[in-house]
Structure formats: C-alpha cells, structure tokens
C-alpha cells in the first residue's frame, strides 16, 4: 500500500514501489515461496487540505483486497506505506472470516491514540485503537461493526516510545504489552511463545503486523520514526522462522518502510528476509 498521508514523514509511500523495483517477488520465489504481486494501492500524491479522506480511501481499498484474498484462502503480505493501513488490512480479514482473529503487533510505538488523545494528529498513531473500536467511526466501522479485534487476543511487542493516553487505553482493555525491556530480559523466544498463545486462543487464525521501527535503527535505518534500542534483526528473524501455532498465519503486514532513509537497501532486504522467515514453509 503506497500511502503516506497517515504519517508525518510523507516519503514512506515510496516503500512498496522500491520493493517492487528491487524484485521482491522473484527473491521470494527463489526461496521457494509461491509469491505473486497482487496489486498496488496508491493514494493521490497531491497534498490534501484534509488527510483523513485520503487515509480512509486507501484503507478501504486495502480492506477490500484483503477481504478477497482471505475469502479465497490466500495467505498474503501487505507492504506499507504508513501503519494506518493496518485498519484496512485487518478489517478486511475480519469481515472475510467472521470469527475472532489474533494479532501480534510488533512496533516501537503503541499506535493506540484516538483523534482526541493524539498529540500530533497523525493517523498512523491510531490504527490499533481503531481496530479495538476506539476513534473515528469511518475507521472503526470499516467493512463491519466495531471492534474488529478482541483485546485478549492481541499482543504488542517491542514498545519503547509512547504517550500515557495510549498506555492507559491498552491497560484498561487488558492488551498484553511486551516493552522492549521485557523482550531483552526474557528473550524473544519466550516473548513470542506467549504472544502466539494469546493469538491462538479461541481464534480461527492470526496475523502479524510489523512496523519496521520496532527493529533497532542500526539494523533498520529506513523508517520514518526511528526509536533507539530496538529489537535485534537477526534474533527477530530466527524467532519468526520458528513461529508456528495450531492456527494458521492468515497474513503478514510490514509497515513504514522509507527508502529515502535507508542505507544500501539494508531495510529493504530486511523486509524480504522477514517475509521469508514467516512464509518459508509455504512452498510451490
């Protein structure tokens, strides 16, 4: 999804285009993954006076695409674009399955503001709250009534940059948050084991929504909102490659890739490796 209007740095819309130009499809196929580029959802590149209609339009297109893919039992990967697209991704999935899904949200931020609580007004800081039923009704009710996700079936991993309002909302709802300190203390194997159990309890499947800023900027410099001291890329890839649960992985989302901030395509290649780790067991 080549959209940037939910973010402060507007250059993340170049991320999916750059990945396509690098031949991500052929790289995945060479790894034995039956990957085919489905579509490119692009927002109007003219600066709007109000960014909300742009975000809602691209999220709606993404929701409809993910609905069809999920309905056809096709595993998918969404490459962003800013993280507001998660509203479209998981709203479409939820509509197709009509049953509870689990979600592992990997992010340096909580993304759980509402328009009333947000300090910046940036919509990419609101998608998780929207999926939980809090915020603008044009997002919360997209492709079906709110909420799209149940708090007890979600976990947030790698958090280290957030505001009190977000923390209060997730705490009140009972969403399991794994701060970066806990990730380091317990190790990612233990953290993801618990997160997978949460995502697989009384659900029909689960998804992964990964903001690349969850990873240490030394390993993933190409992001719009870097935060020091993140997850180590190598360890994350190893854990994702072993992440198997009783319920299927419905879809993967990799958000906030900004090629203008990347160094020697390091972050782009990491996005490819993340996809390989998650889907390496799905062969032609």
C-alpha atoms as a PDB file:
ATOM      1  CA  UNK A   1       0.000   0.000   0.000  1.00  0.00           C
ATOM      2  CA  UNK A   2       1.799   3.082  -1.250  1.00  0.00           C
ATOM      3  CA  UNK A   3       0.209   5.611   1.084  1.00  0.00           C
ATOM      4  CA  UNK A   4       1.803   8.197   3.350  1.00  0.00           C
ATOM      5  CA  UNK A   5      -0.954  10.540   4.469  1.00  0.00           C
ATOM      6  CA  UNK A   6      -1.274   8.978   7.926  1.00  0.00           C
ATOM      7  CA  UNK A   7       2.359   9.761   8.790  1.00  0.00           C
ATOM      8  CA  UNK A   8       4.428  12.854   9.489  1.00  0.00           C
ATOM      9  CA  UNK A   9       7.199  11.834   7.065  1.00  0.00           C
ATOM     10  CA  UNK A  10       5.410  11.592   3.725  1.00  0.00           C
ATOM     11  CA  UNK A  11       8.102   9.582   1.941  1.00  0.00           C
ATOM     12  CA  UNK A  12       7.022   6.150   3.172  1.00  0.00           C
ATOM     13  CA  UNK A  13       4.700   5.947   0.163  1.00  0.00           C
ATOM     14  CA  UNK A  14       7.833   5.155  -1.858  1.00  0.00           C
ATOM     15  CA  UNK A  15       8.471   1.961   0.121  1.00  0.00           C
ATOM     16  CA  UNK A  16       6.277  -0.536  -1.767  1.00  0.00           C
ATOM     17  CA  UNK A  17       7.376   0.888  -5.120  1.00  0.00           C
ATOM     18  CA  UNK A  18      11.023   0.475  -4.196  1.00  0.00           C
ATOM     19  CA  UNK A  19      10.489  -3.092  -3.020  1.00  0.00           C
ATOM     20  CA  UNK A  20       8.762  -3.900  -6.293  1.00  0.00           C
ATOM     21  CA  UNK A  21      11.630  -2.387  -8.278  1.00  0.00           C
ATOM     22  CA  UNK A  22      14.119  -4.479  -6.292  1.00  0.00           C
ATOM     23  CA  UNK A  23      12.291  -7.584  -7.455  1.00  0.00           C
ATOM     24  CA  UNK A  24      10.958  -8.793  -4.126  1.00  0.00           C
ATOM     25  CA  UNK A  25       8.574 -11.152  -5.924  1.00  0.00           C
ATOM     26  CA  UNK A  26      11.422 -13.013  -7.675  1.00  0.00           C
ATOM     27  CA  UNK A  27      13.505 -13.052  -4.491  1.00  0.00           C
ATOM     28  CA  UNK A  28      10.701 -14.784  -2.624  1.00  0.00           C
ATOM     29  CA  UNK A  29      10.071 -17.207  -5.472  1.00  0.00           C
ATOM     30  CA  UNK A  30      13.761 -18.114  -5.498  1.00  0.00           C
ATOM     31  CA  UNK A  31      13.363 -19.010  -1.825  1.00  0.00           C
ATOM     32  CA  UNK A  32      10.547 -21.418  -2.690  1.00  0.00           C
ATOM     33  CA  UNK A  33       7.670 -19.116  -1.747  1.00  0.00           C
ATOM     34  CA  UNK A  34       4.773 -19.002  -4.208  1.00  0.00           C
ATOM     35  CA  UNK A  35       4.695 -15.185  -4.260  1.00  0.00           C
ATOM     36  CA  UNK A  36       2.816 -13.085  -6.797  1.00  0.00           C
ATOM     37  CA  UNK A  37       2.431  -9.313  -6.681  1.00  0.00           C
ATOM     38  CA  UNK A  38      -1.312  -8.784  -6.319  1.00  0.00           C
ATOM     39  CA  UNK A  39      -1.861  -5.042  -6.611  1.00  0.00           C
ATOM     40  CA  UNK A  40      -0.501  -1.604  -5.750  1.00  0.00           C
ATOM     41  CA  UNK A  41      -2.838   0.670  -3.839  1.00  0.00           C
ATOM     42  CA  UNK A  42      -1.771   4.263  -4.273  1.00  0.00           C
ATOM     43  CA  UNK A  43      -3.090   7.474  -2.789  1.00  0.00           C
ATOM     44  CA  UNK A  44      -3.330  10.762  -4.634  1.00  0.00           C
ATOM     45  CA  UNK A  45       0.127  12.344  -4.365  1.00  0.00           C
ATOM     46  CA  UNK A  46      -1.260  15.879  -4.171  1.00  0.00           C
ATOM     47  CA  UNK A  47      -1.102  17.393  -0.689  1.00  0.00           C
ATOM     48  CA  UNK A  48      -4.705  17.384   0.591  1.00  0.00           C
ATOM     49  CA  UNK A  49      -6.018  20.056   2.920  1.00  0.00           C
ATOM     50  CA  UNK A  50      -7.529  17.232   4.982  1.00  0.00           C
ATOM     51  CA  UNK A  51      -5.634  13.929   5.053  1.00  0.00           C
ATOM     52  CA  UNK A  52      -8.484  11.897   6.546  1.00  0.00           C
ATOM     53  CA  UNK A  53     -10.349  11.245   3.255  1.00  0.00           C
ATOM     54  CA  UNK A  54      -7.112  10.026   1.660  1.00  0.00           C
ATOM     55  CA  UNK A  55      -6.377   7.654   4.534  1.00  0.00           C
ATOM     56  CA  UNK A  56      -9.934   6.340   4.609  1.00  0.00           C
ATOM     57  CA  UNK A  57      -9.947   5.787   0.830  1.00  0.00           C
ATOM     58  CA  UNK A  58      -6.681   3.816   0.779  1.00  0.00           C
ATOM     59  CA  UNK A  59      -7.648   1.826   3.872  1.00  0.00           C
ATOM     60  CA  UNK A  60     -10.961   0.944   2.233  1.00  0.00           C
ATOM     61  CA  UNK A  61      -9.228  -0.282  -0.919  1.00  0.00           C
ATOM     62  CA  UNK A  62      -6.829  -2.318   1.189  1.00  0.00           C
ATOM     63  CA  UNK A  63      -9.680  -3.755   3.253  1.00  0.00           C
ATOM     64  CA  UNK A  64     -11.459  -4.889   0.104  1.00  0.00           C
ATOM     65  CA  UNK A  65      -8.278  -6.520  -1.263  1.00  0.00           C
ATOM     66  CA  UNK A  66      -7.522  -8.338   1.995  1.00  0.00           C
ATOM     67  CA  UNK A  67     -11.147  -9.436   2.216  1.00  0.00           C
ATOM     68  CA  UNK A  68     -10.948 -11.101  -1.204  1.00  0.00           C
ATOM     69  CA  UNK A  69      -7.563 -12.722  -0.542  1.00  0.00           C
ATOM     70  CA  UNK A  70      -8.683 -14.089   2.811  1.00  0.00           C
ATOM     71  CA  UNK A  71     -12.011 -15.239   1.378  1.00  0.00           C
ATOM     72  CA  UNK A  72     -10.050 -17.171  -1.248  1.00  0.00           C
ATOM     73  CA  UNK A  73      -7.863 -18.710   1.476  1.00  0.00           C
ATOM     74  CA  UNK A  74      -4.753 -16.970   0.160  1.00  0.00           C
ATOM     75  CA  UNK A  75      -2.039 -16.002   2.636  1.00  0.00           C
ATOM     76  CA  UNK A  76      -0.778 -12.501   1.910  1.00  0.00           C
ATOM     77  CA  UNK A  77       1.759  -9.846   2.787  1.00  0.00           C
ATOM     78  CA  UNK A  78       0.983  -6.138   2.798  1.00  0.00           C
ATOM     79  CA  UNK A  79       3.963  -3.803   2.333  1.00  0.00           C
ATOM     80  CA  UNK A  80       3.437  -0.222   3.511  1.00  0.00           C
ATOM     81  CA  UNK A  81       3.177   2.670   3.446  1.00  0.00           C
ATOM     82  CA  UNK A  82       2.315   4.126   6.823  1.00  0.00           C
ATOM     83  CA  UNK A  83       0.825   1.981   9.568  1.00  0.00           C
ATOM     84  CA  UNK A  84      -2.657   3.491   9.295  1.00  0.00           C
ATOM     85  CA  UNK A  85      -3.141   0.850   6.598  1.00  0.00           C
ATOM     86  CA  UNK A  86      -3.478  -1.769   9.334  1.00  0.00           C
ATOM     87  CA  UNK A  87      -7.075  -0.635   9.777  1.00  0.00           C
ATOM     88  CA  UNK A  88      -7.807  -1.734   6.221  1.00  0.00           C
ATOM     89  CA  UNK A  89      -5.781  -4.936   6.381  1.00  0.00           C
ATOM     90  CA  UNK A  90      -7.362  -6.456   9.469  1.00  0.00           C
ATOM     91  CA  UNK A  91     -10.853  -5.040   8.894  1.00  0.00           C
ATOM     92  CA  UNK A  92     -10.913  -6.892   5.574  1.00  0.00           C
ATOM     93  CA  UNK A  93      -9.638 -10.106   7.168  1.00  0.00           C
ATOM     94  CA  UNK A  94     -12.174  -9.938   9.974  1.00  0.00           C
ATOM     95  CA  UNK A  95     -15.012  -9.405   7.517  1.00  0.00           C
ATOM     96  CA  UNK A  96     -13.967 -12.448   5.477  1.00  0.00           C
ATOM     97  CA  UNK A  97     -13.575 -14.828   8.405  1.00  0.00           C
ATOM     98  CA  UNK A  98     -16.495 -13.660  10.565  1.00  0.00           C
ATOM     99  CA  UNK A  99     -14.711 -15.098  13.599  1.00  0.00           C
ATOM    100  CA  UNK A 100     -12.201 -13.737  16.081  1.00  0.00           C
ATOM    101  CA  UNK A 101      -8.621 -13.446  14.879  1.00  0.00           C
ATOM    102  CA  UNK A 102      -5.444 -12.995  16.896  1.00  0.00           C
ATOM    103  CA  UNK A 103      -2.875 -10.347  16.114  1.00  0.00           C
ATOM    104  CA  UNK A 104       0.788  -9.971  17.023  1.00  0.00           C
ATOM    105  CA  UNK A 105       1.633  -6.276  16.717  1.00  0.00           C
ATOM    106  CA  UNK A 106       5.391  -5.603  16.577  1.00  0.00           C
ATOM    107  CA  UNK A 107       6.186  -1.917  16.967  1.00  0.00           C
ATOM    108  CA  UNK A 108       8.277   0.656  18.797  1.00  0.00           C
ATOM    109  CA  UNK A 109       5.017   2.549  19.380  1.00  0.00           C
ATOM    110  CA  UNK A 110       1.607   1.608  20.732  1.00  0.00           C
ATOM    111  CA  UNK A 111      -0.359   3.161  17.843  1.00  0.00           C
ATOM    112  CA  UNK A 112      -3.320   3.433  20.201  1.00  0.00           C
ATOM    113  CA  UNK A 113      -4.256   7.084  20.130  1.00  0.00           C
ATOM    114  CA  UNK A 114      -7.660   8.452  19.201  1.00  0.00           C
ATOM    115  CA  UNK A 115      -8.193  11.800  17.439  1.00  0.00           C
ATOM    116  CA  UNK A 116      -8.948  13.250  20.870  1.00  0.00           C
ATOM    117  CA  UNK A 117      -5.841  11.934  22.623  1.00  0.00           C
ATOM    118  CA  UNK A 118      -3.255  12.272  19.857  1.00  0.00           C
ATOM    119  CA  UNK A 119      -0.526  14.860  20.424  1.00  0.00           C
ATOM    120  CA  UNK A 120       0.399  15.065  16.721  1.00  0.00           C
ATOM    121  CA  UNK A 121      -2.876  14.259  14.968  1.00  0.00           C
ATOM    122  CA  UNK A 122      -1.011  11.709  12.828  1.00  0.00           C
ATOM    123  CA  UNK A 123      -3.355   8.863  11.898  1.00  0.00           C
ATOM    124  CA  UNK A 124      -0.568   6.269  11.797  1.00  0.00           C
ATOM    125  CA  UNK A 125      -0.562   6.566  15.594  1.00  0.00           C
ATOM    126  CA  UNK A 126      -4.212   5.412  15.776  1.00  0.00           C
ATOM    127  CA  UNK A 127      -4.696   2.093  13.915  1.00  0.00           C
ATOM    128  CA  UNK A 128      -4.626  -0.321  16.847  1.00  0.00           C
ATOM    129  CA  UNK A 129      -7.090   1.802  18.820  1.00  0.00           C
ATOM    130  CA  UNK A 130      -9.323   1.934  15.724  1.00  0.00           C
ATOM    131  CA  UNK A 131      -9.284  -1.847  15.344  1.00  0.00           C
ATOM    132  CA  UNK A 132     -10.220  -2.131  19.019  1.00  0.00           C
ATOM    133  CA  UNK A 133     -13.213   0.143  18.396  1.00  0.00           C
ATOM    134  CA  UNK A 134     -11.896   3.499  19.630  1.00  0.00           C
ATOM    135  CA  UNK A 135     -11.643   6.547  17.387  1.00  0.00           C
ATOM    136  CA  UNK A 136     -13.199   7.881  14.207  1.00  0.00           C
ATOM    137  CA  UNK A 137     -16.178   5.768  13.134  1.00  0.00           C
ATOM    138  CA  UNK A 138     -15.095   5.883   9.492  1.00  0.00           C
ATOM    139  CA  UNK A 139     -12.185   3.693  10.553  1.00  0.00           C
ATOM    140  CA  UNK A 140     -13.657   1.710  13.440  1.00  0.00           C
ATOM    141  CA  UNK A 141     -16.681   0.613  11.365  1.00  0.00           C
ATOM    142  CA  UNK A 142     -14.844  -0.093   8.112  1.00  0.00           C
ATOM    143  CA  UNK A 143     -16.125  -3.313   6.494  1.00  0.00           C
ATOM    144  CA  UNK A 144     -18.223  -4.171   9.508  1.00  0.00           C
ATOM    145  CA  UNK A 145     -19.114  -3.060  13.010  1.00  0.00           C
ATOM    146  CA  UNK A 146     -16.504  -2.335  15.677  1.00  0.00           C
ATOM    147  CA  UNK A 147     -14.498  -3.774  17.259  1.00  0.00           C
ATOM    148  CA  UNK A 148     -12.520  -5.828  14.745  1.00  0.00           C
ATOM    149  CA  UNK A 149     -10.181  -7.249  17.369  1.00  0.00           C
ATOM    150  CA  UNK A 150     -10.674  -8.521  20.897  1.00  0.00           C
ATOM    151  CA  UNK A 151      -8.123  -7.160  23.424  1.00  0.00           C
ATOM    152  CA  UNK A 152      -7.477 -10.577  24.966  1.00  0.00           C
ATOM    153  CA  UNK A 153      -6.279 -11.915  21.601  1.00  0.00           C
ATOM    154  CA  UNK A 154      -3.698  -9.189  20.869  1.00  0.00           C
ATOM    155  CA  UNK A 155      -0.149  -8.572  21.994  1.00  0.00           C
ATOM    156  CA  UNK A 156       2.189  -5.654  21.307  1.00  0.00           C
ATOM    157  CA  UNK A 157       5.910  -6.419  21.178  1.00  0.00           C
ATOM    158  CA  UNK A 158       8.944  -4.113  21.318  1.00  0.00           C
ATOM    159  CA  UNK A 159       7.295  -0.958  22.663  1.00  0.00           C
ATOM    160  CA  UNK A 160       9.600   1.830  23.818  1.00  0.00           C
ATOM    161  CA  UNK A 161       8.085   5.138  22.628  1.00  0.00           C
ATOM    162  CA  UNK A 162       4.520   6.064  23.619  1.00  0.00           C
ATOM    163  CA  UNK A 163       2.303   8.561  25.415  1.00  0.00           C
ATOM    164  CA  UNK A 164       0.389   7.987  28.681  1.00  0.00           C
ATOM    165  CA  UNK A 165      -3.004   8.105  26.952  1.00  0.00           C
ATOM    166  CA  UNK A 166      -2.134   5.094  24.786  1.00  0.00           C
ATOM    167  CA  UNK A 167      -0.786   3.131  27.698  1.00  0.00           C
ATOM    168  CA  UNK A 168      -3.902   3.862  29.728  1.00  0.00           C
ATOM    169  CA  UNK A 169      -6.210   2.648  26.955  1.00  0.00           C
ATOM    170  CA  UNK A 170      -4.372  -0.627  26.361  1.00  0.00           C
ATOM    171  CA  UNK A 171      -4.003  -1.233  30.084  1.00  0.00           C
ATOM    172  CA  UNK A 172      -7.713  -0.616  30.653  1.00  0.00           C
ATOM    173  CA  UNK A 173      -8.598  -3.049  27.843  1.00  0.00           C
ATOM    174  CA  UNK A 174      -6.164  -5.707  29.016  1.00  0.00           C
ATOM    175  CA  UNK A 175      -4.000  -5.863  25.900  1.00  0.00           C
ATOM    176  CA  UNK A 176      -0.744  -7.700  26.624  1.00  0.00           C
ATOM    177  CA  UNK A 177       2.166  -5.325  26.019  1.00  0.00           C
ATOM    178  CA  UNK A 178       5.768  -6.548  25.946  1.00  0.00           C
ATOM    179  CA  UNK A 179       8.005  -3.488  26.446  1.00  0.00           C
ATOM    180  CA  UNK A 180      11.469  -3.665  24.930  1.00  0.00           C
ATOM    181  CA  UNK A 181      12.954  -4.191  28.399  1.00  0.00           C
ATOM    182  CA  UNK A 182      10.920  -7.379  28.853  1.00  0.00           C
ATOM    183  CA  UNK A 183      11.966  -8.562  25.385  1.00  0.00           C
ATOM    184  CA  UNK A 184      15.614  -8.228  26.386  1.00  0.00           C
ATOM    185  CA  UNK A 185      15.166  -9.717  29.855  1.00  0.00           C
ATOM    186  CA  UNK A 186      13.137 -12.771  28.859  1.00  0.00           C
ATOM    187  CA  UNK A 187      14.412 -13.206  25.313  1.00  0.00           C
ATOM    188  CA  UNK A 188      12.326 -13.106  22.141  1.00  0.00           C
ATOM    189  CA  UNK A 189      11.707 -16.858  22.140  1.00  0.00           C
ATOM    190  CA  UNK A 190       9.772 -16.652  25.397  1.00  0.00           C
ATOM    191  CA  UNK A 191       8.005 -13.420  24.464  1.00  0.00           C
ATOM    192  CA  UNK A 192       6.798 -14.732  21.105  1.00  0.00           C
ATOM    193  CA  UNK A 193       5.791 -18.045  22.638  1.00  0.00           C
ATOM    194  CA  UNK A 194       3.421 -16.189  24.949  1.00  0.00           C
ATOM    195  CA  UNK A 195       2.248 -13.863  22.162  1.00  0.00           C
ATOM    196  CA  UNK A 196       1.489 -16.823  19.901  1.00  0.00           C
ATOM    197  CA  UNK A 197      -0.516 -18.499  22.647  1.00  0.00           C
ATOM    198  CA  UNK A 198      -2.545 -15.301  23.070  1.00  0.00           C
ATOM    199  CA  UNK A 199      -3.130 -15.038  19.308  1.00  0.00           C
ATOM    200  CA  UNK A 200      -4.186 -18.695  19.014  1.00  0.00           C
ATOM    201  CA  UNK A 201      -6.605 -18.885  21.944  1.00  0.00           C
ATOM    202  CA  UNK A 202     -10.188 -19.207  20.677  1.00  0.00           C
ATOM    203  CA  UNK A 203      -9.361 -17.739  17.274  1.00  0.00           C
ATOM    204  CA  UNK A 204      -9.608 -19.038  13.703  1.00  0.00           C
ATOM    205  CA  UNK A 205      -6.121 -17.793  12.848  1.00  0.00           C
ATOM    206  CA  UNK A 206      -3.760 -14.934  13.493  1.00  0.00           C
ATOM    207  CA  UNK A 207      -1.885 -12.155  11.755  1.00  0.00           C
ATOM    208  CA  UNK A 208       1.368 -10.267  12.224  1.00  0.00           C
ATOM    209  CA  UNK A 209       1.549  -6.500  11.846  1.00  0.00           C
ATOM    210  CA  UNK A 210       5.162  -5.346  11.934  1.00  0.00           C
ATOM    211  CA  UNK A 211       6.303  -1.749  11.917  1.00  0.00           C
ATOM    212  CA  UNK A 212       9.946  -1.751  10.870  1.00  0.00           C
ATOM    213  CA  UNK A 213      10.735   0.838  13.543  1.00  0.00           C
ATOM    214  CA  UNK A 214      10.356  -1.971  16.090  1.00  0.00           C
ATOM    215  CA  UNK A 215      13.835  -3.028  14.975  1.00  0.00           C
ATOM    216  CA  UNK A 216      16.943  -1.195  16.130  1.00  0.00           C
ATOM    217  CA  UNK A 217      17.752   1.629  13.680  1.00  0.00           C
ATOM    218  CA  UNK A 218      21.258   0.215  13.336  1.00  0.00           C
ATOM    219  CA  UNK A 219      19.658  -2.754  11.572  1.00  0.00           C
ATOM    220  CA  UNK A 220      16.670  -0.950  10.004  1.00  0.00           C
ATOM    221  CA  UNK A 221      17.534   2.690   9.264  1.00  0.00           C
ATOM    222  CA  UNK A 222      14.883   3.110   6.570  1.00  0.00           C
ATOM    223  CA  UNK A 223      11.932   4.117   8.738  1.00  0.00           C
ATOM    224  CA  UNK A 224      10.129   7.387   9.329  1.00  0.00           C
ATOM    225  CA  UNK A 225      10.023   7.307  13.136  1.00  0.00           C
ATOM    226  CA  UNK A 226      13.181   5.588  14.399  1.00  0.00           C
ATOM    227  CA  UNK A 227      13.497   4.832  18.116  1.00  0.00           C
ATOM    228  CA  UNK A 228      16.809   3.813  19.673  1.00  0.00           C
ATOM    229  CA  UNK A 229      17.403   0.449  21.266  1.00  0.00           C
ATOM    230  CA  UNK A 230      15.014  -1.783  19.366  1.00  0.00           C
ATOM    231  CA  UNK A 231      14.785  -5.458  18.528  1.00  0.00           C
ATOM    232  CA  UNK A 232      17.836  -7.119  17.022  1.00  0.00           C
ATOM    233  CA  UNK A 233      17.163  -8.064  13.418  1.00  0.00           C
ATOM    234  CA  UNK A 234      18.949 -11.415  13.453  1.00  0.00           C
ATOM    235  CA  UNK A 235      17.183 -12.606  16.597  1.00  0.00           C
ATOM    236  CA  UNK A 236      13.794 -11.473  15.288  1.00  0.00           C
ATOM    237  CA  UNK A 237      14.272 -13.327  12.003  1.00  0.00           C
ATOM    238  CA  UNK A 238      15.210 -16.512  13.846  1.00  0.00           C
ATOM    239  CA  UNK A 239      12.141 -16.310  16.077  1.00  0.00           C
ATOM    240  CA  UNK A 240       9.772 -15.568  13.187  1.00  0.00           C
ATOM    241  CA  UNK A 241      11.123 -18.537  11.244  1.00  0.00           C
ATOM    242  CA  UNK A 242      10.152 -20.807  14.161  1.00  0.00           C
ATOM    243  CA  UNK A 243       6.774 -19.195  14.837  1.00  0.00           C
ATOM    244  CA  UNK A 244       4.265 -21.980  14.264  1.00  0.00           C
ATOM    245  CA  UNK A 245       0.972 -22.351  16.067  1.00  0.00           C
ATOM    246  CA  UNK A 246      -2.112 -24.552  15.941  1.00  0.00           C
ATOM    247  CA  UNK A 247      -3.957 -21.853  13.997  1.00  0.00           C
ATOM    248  CA  UNK A 248      -2.804 -20.628  10.571  1.00  0.00           C
ATOM    249  CA  UNK A 249      -0.942 -17.420   9.831  1.00  0.00           C
ATOM    250  CA  UNK A 250      -3.548 -15.512   7.843  1.00  0.00           C
ATOM    251  CA  UNK A 251      -1.434 -12.600   6.747  1.00  0.00           C
ATOM    252  CA  UNK A 252       1.665 -10.511   7.338  1.00  0.00           C
ATOM    253  CA  UNK A 253       1.927  -6.743   7.252  1.00  0.00           C
ATOM    254  CA  UNK A 254       5.227  -4.849   7.081  1.00  0.00           C
ATOM    255  CA  UNK A 255       4.742  -1.109   7.518  1.00  0.00           C
ATOM    256  CA  UNK A 256       6.600   2.195   7.452  1.00  0.00           C
ATOM    257  CA  UNK A 257       9.447   1.349   5.073  1.00  0.00           C
ATOM    258  CA  UNK A 258      11.003   4.645   3.948  1.00  0.00           C
ATOM    259  CA  UNK A 259      13.645   4.110   1.225  1.00  0.00           C
ATOM    260  CA  UNK A 260      14.830   7.734   1.397  1.00  0.00           C
ATOM    261  CA  UNK A 261      16.201   6.995   4.882  1.00  0.00           C
ATOM    262  CA  UNK A 262      17.616   3.581   4.042  1.00  0.00           C
ATOM    263  CA  UNK A 263      21.319   2.772   3.774  1.00  0.00           C
ATOM    264  CA  UNK A 264      22.392   0.447   0.947  1.00  0.00           C
ATOM    265  CA  UNK A 265      18.894  -1.082   0.885  1.00  0.00           C
ATOM    266  CA  UNK A 266      19.555  -2.642   4.305  1.00  0.00           C
ATOM    267  CA  UNK A 267      15.960  -2.172   5.466  1.00  0.00           C
ATOM    268  CA  UNK A 268      14.507  -3.259   2.136  1.00  0.00           C
ATOM    269  CA  UNK A 269      16.418  -6.509   2.294  1.00  0.00           C
ATOM    270  CA  UNK A 270      15.308  -6.964   5.883  1.00  0.00           C
ATOM    271  CA  UNK A 271      11.668  -6.721   4.727  1.00  0.00           C
ATOM    272  CA  UNK A 272      12.401  -9.528   2.268  1.00  0.00           C
ATOM    273  CA  UNK A 273      14.026 -11.643   4.988  1.00  0.00           C
ATOM    274  CA  UNK A 274      11.088 -11.082   7.342  1.00  0.00           C
ATOM    275  CA  UNK A 275       8.717 -12.347   4.666  1.00  0.00           C
ATOM    276  CA  UNK A 276      10.940 -15.374   4.064  1.00  0.00           C
ATOM    277  CA  UNK A 277      11.028 -16.126   7.785  1.00  0.00           C
ATOM    278  CA  UNK A 278       7.254 -16.003   8.125  1.00  0.00           C
ATOM    279  CA  UNK A 279       6.347 -17.818   4.911  1.00  0.00           C
ATOM    280  CA  UNK A 280       9.364 -20.014   4.256  1.00  0.00           C
ATOM    281  CA  UNK A 281       7.312 -23.121   4.987  1.00  0.00           C
ATOM    282  CA  UNK A 282       4.828 -22.331   2.187  1.00  0.00           C
ATOM    283  CA  UNK A 283       6.356 -23.896  -0.911  1.00  0.00           C
ATOM    284  CA  UNK A 284       5.417 -24.005  -4.581  1.00  0.00           C
END
